[in-house]
């Protein structure tokens, strides 16, 4: 997670929903830097309690089924950081996100990253990288997709890509050349 990427796109005093908010790090950053009115949703009771103990507005819920509880265009921004690949029906989740939020910020690991490709080519097994450290049978990732896949999805669903950032490494260093091959992670700002 790189909070500065998201704070770049968020307007001052926006109403923001952070999906899979965890301990509330992104919410705290947005409150401190953008005076955002932040809400969070996380499936983990432990993480929700930790966030609430910090004074954050967080509820326990499952993004696969609890997004219907919010009215249309209630949020200025909905943030889905590194969770789309974990959802049961990403298309449904993205459509809900774009219904309850005027804009959405999504990020995901790019499964076309060259180190992943090389791992499959030379080792013949599912890759393990720094950002994907799981064995295939332990991985929470149930939908594997790439930068190109996401762009094609947006085009097919009439979703406008307002901005994007491609990055690699723990420090999320920006990459611009052949992002489907060289980006380990992708960030998109989208809307209808």
Protein backbone atom coordinates (compact mmCIF):
# COMPACT_ATOMS: atom_id res chain seq x y z
CA UNK A 1 0.00 0.00 0.00
CA UNK A 2 1.23 3.45 -0.85
CA UNK A 3 -0.97 6.08 0.79
CA UNK A 4 0.60 8.94 -1.17
CA UNK A 5 -0.81 7.55 -4.41
CA UNK A 6 -4.31 7.66 -3.01
CA UNK A 7 -3.92 11.04 -1.31
CA UNK A 8 -2.86 12.45 -4.67
CA UNK A 9 -6.30 11.62 -6.11
CA UNK A 10 -8.49 12.54 -3.13
CA UNK A 11 -9.96 16.03 -2.85
CA UNK A 12 -9.94 17.95 0.43
CA UNK A 13 -12.82 17.11 2.80
CA UNK A 14 -14.11 14.26 0.63
CA UNK A 15 -16.34 11.49 1.94
CA UNK A 16 -14.32 8.28 1.49
CA UNK A 17 -15.07 4.60 2.03
CA UNK A 18 -12.00 2.38 2.44
CA UNK A 19 -12.76 -1.27 1.67
CA UNK A 20 -10.63 -3.85 3.44
CA UNK A 21 -9.42 -1.02 5.68
CA UNK A 22 -7.45 -3.26 8.04
CA UNK A 23 -5.84 -1.31 10.86
CA UNK A 24 -6.96 2.03 9.40
CA UNK A 25 -3.60 3.30 8.10
CA UNK A 26 -5.06 4.69 4.87
CA UNK A 27 -7.98 6.29 6.72
CA UNK A 28 -5.65 7.99 9.18
CA UNK A 29 -3.48 9.30 6.34
CA UNK A 30 -6.53 10.69 4.50
CA UNK A 31 -7.91 12.30 7.64
CA UNK A 32 -4.54 13.90 8.44
CA UNK A 33 -3.61 15.09 4.95
CA UNK A 34 -6.99 15.73 3.30
CA UNK A 35 -9.34 16.27 6.26
CA UNK A 36 -11.41 13.51 4.65
CA UNK A 37 -14.56 12.15 6.23
CA UNK A 38 -13.47 8.49 6.22
CA UNK A 39 -15.39 5.30 6.77
CA UNK A 40 -14.03 1.76 6.67
CA UNK A 41 -15.29 -1.75 6.01
CA UNK A 42 -13.33 -4.87 6.89
CA UNK A 43 -14.23 -8.52 7.34
CA UNK A 44 -11.85 -9.07 10.27
CA UNK A 45 -13.43 -8.43 13.66
CA UNK A 46 -9.96 -8.02 15.19
CA UNK A 47 -8.96 -5.34 12.65
CA UNK A 48 -12.29 -3.55 13.01
CA UNK A 49 -11.88 -3.39 16.78
CA UNK A 50 -8.30 -2.13 16.39
CA UNK A 51 -9.51 0.63 14.03
CA UNK A 52 -12.38 1.61 16.31
CA UNK A 53 -9.96 1.80 19.25
CA UNK A 54 -8.08 4.47 17.24
CA UNK A 55 -11.30 6.48 16.93
CA UNK A 56 -11.94 5.53 13.30
CA UNK A 57 -15.39 4.93 11.84
CA UNK A 58 -15.28 1.28 10.76
CA UNK A 59 -17.83 -1.51 10.50
CA UNK A 60 -17.39 -5.21 10.07
CA UNK A 61 -18.67 -6.51 6.77
CA UNK A 62 -17.99 -8.52 3.65
CA UNK A 63 -17.42 -6.51 0.47
CA UNK A 64 -18.81 -9.42 -1.52
CA UNK A 65 -22.29 -8.84 -0.11
CA UNK A 66 -22.49 -5.77 2.14
CA UNK A 67 -22.01 -2.95 -0.40
CA UNK A 68 -25.77 -2.90 -1.07
CA UNK A 69 -26.21 -1.27 2.35
CA UNK A 70 -24.94 2.10 1.05
CA UNK A 71 -27.06 4.53 -1.02
CA UNK A 72 -26.02 5.54 -4.56
CA UNK A 73 -23.33 8.23 -4.84
CA UNK A 74 -23.05 8.44 -1.05
CA UNK A 75 -19.23 8.62 -1.19
CA UNK A 76 -17.01 10.91 -3.21
CA UNK A 77 -14.42 8.14 -3.40
CA UNK A 78 -14.40 4.40 -2.70
CA UNK A 79 -10.97 2.92 -2.23
CA UNK A 80 -10.29 -0.77 -2.92
CA UNK A 81 -6.59 -1.30 -2.25
CA UNK A 82 -5.27 -4.74 -3.16
CA UNK A 83 -8.59 -6.56 -2.66
CA UNK A 84 -10.25 -7.08 -6.06
CA UNK A 85 -8.36 -10.31 -6.65
CA UNK A 86 -9.72 -11.59 -3.33
CA UNK A 87 -13.38 -11.02 -4.15
CA UNK A 88 -15.78 -13.72 -5.29
CA UNK A 89 -17.30 -11.64 -8.09
CA UNK A 90 -14.99 -8.72 -8.96
CA UNK A 91 -17.32 -7.43 -11.70
CA UNK A 92 -20.20 -7.18 -9.24
CA UNK A 93 -17.98 -5.54 -6.59
CA UNK A 94 -16.62 -2.95 -9.03
CA UNK A 95 -20.14 -2.10 -10.22
CA UNK A 96 -21.29 -1.66 -6.61
CA UNK A 97 -18.26 0.49 -5.86
CA UNK A 98 -19.09 2.74 -8.81
CA UNK A 99 -22.72 2.94 -7.70
CA UNK A 100 -22.05 4.01 -4.11
CA UNK A 101 -19.05 6.19 -5.01
CA UNK A 102 -18.70 8.97 -7.56
CA UNK A 103 -15.13 7.80 -8.20
CA UNK A 104 -13.19 4.72 -7.19
CA UNK A 105 -9.55 3.98 -6.65
CA UNK A 106 -8.52 0.38 -7.16
CA UNK A 107 -5.16 -1.32 -6.95
CA UNK A 108 -4.06 -4.87 -7.64
CA UNK A 109 -0.99 -7.02 -8.26
CA UNK A 110 -0.26 -7.40 -11.97
CA UNK A 111 -0.08 -11.12 -12.70
CA UNK A 112 1.67 -10.41 -16.03
CA UNK A 113 4.70 -8.97 -14.23
CA UNK A 114 7.86 -10.35 -15.88
CA UNK A 115 9.14 -12.11 -12.73
CA UNK A 116 5.85 -14.00 -12.47
CA UNK A 117 6.05 -14.93 -16.16
CA UNK A 118 9.63 -16.13 -15.80
CA UNK A 119 8.82 -18.14 -12.71
CA UNK A 120 6.09 -20.01 -14.55
CA UNK A 121 8.25 -20.45 -17.67
CA UNK A 122 11.40 -21.72 -15.97
CA UNK A 123 10.10 -23.33 -12.81
CA UNK A 124 6.79 -24.63 -14.16
CA UNK A 125 4.87 -23.78 -10.99
CA UNK A 126 2.79 -20.96 -9.60
CA UNK A 127 5.10 -18.10 -8.71
CA UNK A 128 6.00 -16.75 -5.29
CA UNK A 129 7.18 -13.15 -5.16
CA UNK A 130 7.62 -10.52 -2.45
CA UNK A 131 4.09 -9.22 -2.97
CA UNK A 132 2.65 -12.69 -3.66
CA UNK A 133 4.43 -14.84 -1.06
CA UNK A 134 1.84 -17.62 -0.93
CA UNK A 135 1.91 -21.20 -2.14
CA UNK A 136 -0.92 -21.83 -4.61
CA UNK A 137 -2.96 -23.68 -1.98
CA UNK A 138 -2.59 -20.89 0.61
CA UNK A 139 -3.18 -17.89 -1.62
CA UNK A 140 -6.17 -15.67 -0.86
CA UNK A 141 -6.06 -14.55 -4.51
CA UNK A 142 -8.93 -16.20 -6.35
CA UNK A 143 -9.00 -14.03 -9.49
CA UNK A 144 -5.69 -13.51 -11.24
CA UNK A 145 -5.63 -10.65 -13.75
CA UNK A 146 -3.30 -8.21 -15.43
CA UNK A 147 -3.10 -4.53 -16.34
CA UNK A 148 -4.35 -5.38 -19.84
CA UNK A 149 -7.20 -7.48 -18.43
CA UNK A 150 -8.34 -4.61 -16.21
CA UNK A 151 -8.17 -2.07 -19.05
CA UNK A 152 -10.19 -4.42 -21.29
CA UNK A 153 -12.72 -4.91 -18.48
CA UNK A 154 -13.13 -1.14 -18.06
CA UNK A 155 -13.69 -0.69 -21.77
CA UNK A 156 -16.27 -3.50 -21.92
CA UNK A 157 -18.12 -2.12 -18.86
CA UNK A 158 -18.01 1.54 -20.04
CA UNK A 159 -15.87 2.51 -17.07
CA UNK A 160 -13.73 5.60 -17.56
CA UNK A 161 -10.11 5.45 -16.45
CA UNK A 162 -9.32 8.93 -15.17
CA UNK A 163 -5.74 8.23 -14.13
CA UNK A 164 -3.36 5.36 -13.48
CA UNK A 165 -0.01 4.66 -11.88
CA UNK A 166 2.10 1.56 -12.42
CA UNK A 167 4.68 0.63 -9.82
CA UNK A 168 7.15 -2.01 -8.76
CA UNK A 169 9.07 -2.97 -5.64
CA UNK A 170 8.36 -2.47 -1.95
CA UNK A 171 8.70 1.31 -2.36
CA UNK A 172 6.28 1.26 -5.29
CA UNK A 173 8.70 2.93 -7.69
CA UNK A 174 6.80 4.24 -10.72
CA UNK A 175 7.28 2.46 -14.03
CA UNK A 176 6.15 3.73 -17.42
CA UNK A 177 7.69 1.38 -19.96
CA UNK A 178 5.56 -1.65 -20.96
CA UNK A 179 3.54 -1.65 -17.71
CA UNK A 180 1.84 -5.00 -18.36
CA UNK A 181 5.33 -6.52 -18.32
CA UNK A 182 7.27 -4.29 -15.91
CA UNK A 183 4.69 -3.21 -13.31
CA UNK A 184 4.34 -5.34 -10.24
CA UNK A 185 1.35 -3.34 -9.06
CA UNK A 186 -1.31 -1.14 -10.73
CA UNK A 187 -3.38 1.75 -9.38
CA UNK A 188 -6.41 3.12 -11.22
CA UNK A 189 -8.77 6.03 -10.63
CA UNK A 190 -12.07 5.16 -12.31
CA UNK A 191 -15.62 6.46 -12.71
CA UNK A 192 -18.76 5.91 -14.81
